[in-house]
Amino acid sequence: MVIITRHGGRRVRERSGINKKAVHRIVCKAYHEGFTRKDTNGELRKWIERICEKNKPADQVRIYGDNMYLFADNYLITMFQIPNSLRKNIKKKKCK
């Protein structure tokens, strides 16, 4: 079960533009179906590592769509949009 913190819910709504009802559905999909940090490489992985250094409590990273979700245990901490320059790496991963 995924628990969404107040901050995490606000960030998802703010950065992705979805409504309050859809937040839980999207976050659950990201947690269960998203790519992990180990599934990435190159510049995308370096970018993820830098973000994780700044957000120490985050022990799990999921990439779903064009967004990166940071979790501590089952709690959503925050969500970041992946920069356009790194999104091509995600699309390659989806094709495999």
Protein backbone atom coordinates (compact mmCIF):
# COMPACT_ATOMS: atom_id res chain seq x y z
CA MET A 1 0.00 0.00 0.00
CA VAL A 2 1.33 3.41 -0.97
CA ILE A 3 0.85 6.37 1.35
CA ILE A 4 0.99 9.86 -0.12
CA THR A 5 2.32 12.64 2.07
CA ARG A 6 0.72 16.05 1.89
CA HIS A 7 3.85 17.48 0.27
CA GLY A 8 4.05 14.62 -2.22
CA GLY A 9 0.41 14.97 -3.22
CA ARG A 10 0.80 18.70 -3.74
CA ARG A 11 3.90 18.24 -5.88
CA VAL A 12 2.23 15.63 -8.09
CA ARG A 13 -0.78 17.89 -8.67
CA GLU A 14 1.38 20.95 -9.22
CA ARG A 15 3.95 19.42 -11.55
CA SER A 16 1.82 17.02 -13.57
CA GLY A 17 -1.48 18.91 -13.61
CA ILE A 18 -3.69 16.00 -12.58
CA ASN A 19 -6.60 16.34 -10.16
CA LYS A 20 -6.71 15.21 -6.55
CA LYS A 21 -8.62 12.00 -7.29
CA ALA A 22 -6.12 10.78 -9.87
CA VAL A 23 -3.05 11.32 -7.68
CA HIS A 24 -3.42 8.07 -5.75
CA ARG A 25 -4.03 6.03 -8.91
CA ILE A 26 -0.98 7.46 -10.70
CA VAL A 27 1.29 7.11 -7.67
CA CYS A 28 0.28 3.46 -7.16
CA LYS A 29 0.98 2.72 -10.82
CA ALA A 30 4.35 4.45 -10.55
CA TYR A 31 5.28 2.46 -7.44
CA HIS A 32 4.31 -0.92 -8.86
CA GLU A 33 5.02 -0.55 -12.59
CA GLY A 34 7.72 2.12 -12.76
CA PHE A 35 11.40 1.64 -13.53
CA THR A 36 13.82 1.57 -10.61
CA ARG A 37 17.14 3.33 -10.31
CA LYS A 38 18.92 0.13 -11.32
CA ASP A 39 17.05 0.05 -14.63
CA THR A 40 18.63 3.33 -15.75
CA ASN A 41 22.10 4.21 -17.01
CA GLY A 42 24.21 7.07 -18.32
CA GLU A 43 23.19 10.69 -17.84
CA LEU A 44 19.75 9.76 -16.56
CA ARG A 45 21.25 7.69 -13.75
CA LYS A 46 23.67 10.48 -12.83
CA TRP A 47 20.79 12.94 -12.65
CA ILE A 48 18.82 10.56 -10.43
CA GLU A 49 21.80 10.10 -8.12
CA ARG A 50 22.19 13.88 -7.72
CA ILE A 51 18.51 14.28 -6.84
CA CYS A 52 18.71 11.40 -4.34
CA GLU A 53 21.72 12.98 -2.65
CA LYS A 54 19.65 16.09 -1.94
CA ASN A 55 16.69 14.03 -0.68
CA LYS A 56 18.36 11.73 1.84
CA PRO A 57 15.25 10.02 3.28
CA ALA A 58 14.33 8.68 -0.16
CA ASP A 59 15.31 5.03 -0.42
CA GLN A 60 13.28 4.11 -3.51
CA VAL A 61 13.03 5.79 -6.89
CA ARG A 62 10.46 5.02 -9.54
CA ILE A 63 10.31 6.42 -13.06
CA TYR A 64 6.88 6.35 -14.61
CA GLY A 65 6.03 8.30 -17.72
CA ASP A 66 8.17 11.43 -17.81
CA ASN A 67 8.30 11.76 -14.03
CA MET A 68 10.47 10.50 -11.20
CA TYR A 69 8.82 9.64 -7.90
CA LEU A 70 10.80 9.47 -4.64
CA PHE A 71 9.59 7.13 -1.90
CA ALA A 72 10.76 6.47 1.66
CA ASP A 73 9.47 2.98 2.44
CA ASN A 74 5.90 3.20 1.10
CA TYR A 75 5.55 6.97 1.55
CA LEU A 76 5.65 9.26 -1.46
CA ILE A 77 8.00 12.13 -0.62
CA THR A 78 7.99 14.12 -3.83
CA MET A 79 7.88 13.97 -7.60
CA PHE A 80 10.15 15.57 -10.21
CA GLN A 81 9.68 15.95 -13.93
CA ILE A 82 12.58 14.50 -15.87
CA PRO A 83 14.35 17.13 -18.01
CA ASN A 84 13.64 17.03 -21.75
CA SER A 85 17.27 16.25 -22.54
CA LEU A 86 17.06 13.00 -20.54
CA ARG A 87 13.62 11.83 -21.67
CA LYS A 88 15.04 10.13 -24.76
CA ASN A 89 16.78 7.64 -22.44
CA ILE A 90 13.41 6.66 -20.98
CA LYS A 91 11.84 6.13 -24.39
CA LYS A 92 14.67 3.77 -25.34
CA LYS A 93 14.05 1.81 -22.15
CA LYS A 94 10.32 1.47 -22.89
CA CYS A 95 11.04 -0.02 -26.32
CA LYS A 96 13.16 -2.86 -24.90
